[in-house]
Amino acid sequence: MAKRTTITLETTSLFVLRVRTEKRAWCPECGAEAEMVVSPITGVAPDPGQHDVEKWLSCMGLHRTQAADGAALICLNSLLAQLQNTKTT
């Protein structure tokens, strides 16, 4: 009879998010008030790579809205959910 060995690996990850500005705002897609982080492209002068960043943010399925002052906001809940989905696949 052949021997069978089972190896179980446990991994952990650490996600560090440093933001300068954090706001609570209504997320229309969550249908609730949520923590929002200012989009990294807010206030950046238009450049060829900015459109690529916009497309990447849209493809990730992040919930986005706009603050009263015009700042682009990203829902922290959707960002964390996307990271969790990426980790499990």
Protein backbone atom coordinates (compact mmCIF):
# COMPACT_ATOMS: atom_id res chain seq x y z
CA MET A 1 0.00 0.00 0.00
CA ALA A 2 1.35 3.45 -0.98
CA LYS A 3 1.86 6.12 1.64
CA ARG A 4 -0.11 9.31 1.32
CA THR A 5 1.13 12.61 2.70
CA THR A 6 -1.12 15.62 3.17
CA ILE A 7 0.45 19.05 3.45
CA THR A 8 -1.63 21.97 4.69
CA LEU A 9 -0.40 25.50 4.15
CA GLU A 10 -1.76 28.46 6.04
CA THR A 11 -1.05 31.93 4.79
CA THR A 12 -1.84 35.36 6.03
CA SER A 13 -1.64 38.69 4.34
CA LEU A 14 -1.44 42.25 5.47
CA PHE A 15 -2.97 45.11 3.54
CA VAL A 16 -1.82 48.57 4.53
CA LEU A 17 -3.79 51.48 3.22
CA ARG A 18 -2.43 54.94 3.88
CA VAL A 19 -4.74 57.75 2.97
CA ARG A 20 -4.46 61.43 3.55
CA THR A 21 -8.15 62.06 3.42
CA GLU A 22 -10.91 59.78 4.59
CA LYS A 23 -14.56 60.68 4.56
CA ARG A 24 -17.87 59.11 5.44
CA ALA A 25 -20.28 59.46 2.58
CA TRP A 26 -23.29 57.78 1.03
CA CYS A 27 -22.37 54.94 -1.33
CA PRO A 28 -25.22 54.55 -3.82
CA GLU A 29 -24.13 51.02 -4.76
CA CYS A 30 -23.93 49.81 -1.14
CA GLY A 31 -27.09 51.73 -0.28
CA ALA A 32 -25.48 52.88 2.97
CA GLU A 33 -23.09 55.37 4.46
CA ALA A 34 -19.54 54.08 4.15
CA GLU A 35 -15.93 55.08 4.67
CA MET A 36 -14.59 56.62 1.48
CA VAL A 37 -11.04 57.27 0.40
CA VAL A 38 -10.08 59.97 -2.04
CA SER A 39 -9.23 58.51 -5.43
CA PRO A 40 -5.49 58.53 -6.17
CA ILE A 41 -6.11 60.38 -9.42
CA THR A 42 -7.97 63.28 -7.80
CA GLY A 43 -6.14 66.52 -8.46
CA VAL A 44 -3.64 64.92 -10.81
CA ALA A 45 -2.96 66.87 -13.98
CA PRO A 46 -4.20 65.02 -17.06
CA ASP A 47 -1.56 62.74 -18.48
CA PRO A 48 -1.60 59.71 -20.80
CA GLY A 49 -1.57 57.25 -17.87
CA GLN A 50 -4.56 58.82 -16.09
CA HIS A 51 -7.03 57.24 -18.54
CA ASP A 52 -5.45 53.84 -17.86
CA VAL A 53 -5.89 54.29 -14.11
CA GLU A 54 -9.55 55.24 -14.65
CA LYS A 55 -10.11 52.10 -16.75
CA TRP A 56 -8.38 49.94 -14.13
CA LEU A 57 -10.53 51.38 -11.32
CA SER A 58 -13.68 50.78 -13.38
CA CYS A 59 -12.71 47.20 -14.23
CA MET A 60 -12.14 46.35 -10.57
CA GLY A 61 -15.79 47.02 -9.80
CA LEU A 62 -15.07 49.59 -7.14
CA HIS A 63 -17.95 51.71 -5.92
CA ARG A 64 -17.21 55.32 -6.73
CA THR A 65 -18.96 58.60 -6.11
CA GLN A 66 -18.15 62.27 -6.01
CA ALA A 67 -17.94 64.51 -2.94
CA ALA A 68 -19.60 67.91 -2.76
CA ASP A 69 -16.19 69.53 -3.26
CA GLY A 70 -15.70 67.55 -6.49
CA ALA A 71 -13.24 64.99 -5.12
CA ALA A 72 -13.58 61.48 -6.55
CA LEU A 73 -14.24 58.99 -3.74
CA ILE A 74 -13.81 55.22 -3.62
CA CYS A 75 -15.89 53.11 -1.24
CA LEU A 76 -13.55 51.36 1.18
CA ASN A 77 -15.98 48.41 1.54
CA SER A 78 -15.84 47.68 -2.19
CA LEU A 79 -12.05 48.02 -2.21
CA LEU A 80 -11.66 45.55 0.66
CA ALA A 81 -14.19 43.15 -0.94
CA GLN A 82 -12.22 43.24 -4.19
CA LEU A 83 -8.99 42.49 -2.34
CA GLN A 84 -10.68 39.59 -0.54
CA ASN A 85 -11.95 38.20 -3.86
CA THR A 86 -8.49 38.50 -5.39
CA LYS A 87 -6.95 36.69 -2.41
CA THR A 88 -9.32 33.70 -2.63
CA THR A 89 -8.87 33.11 -6.35
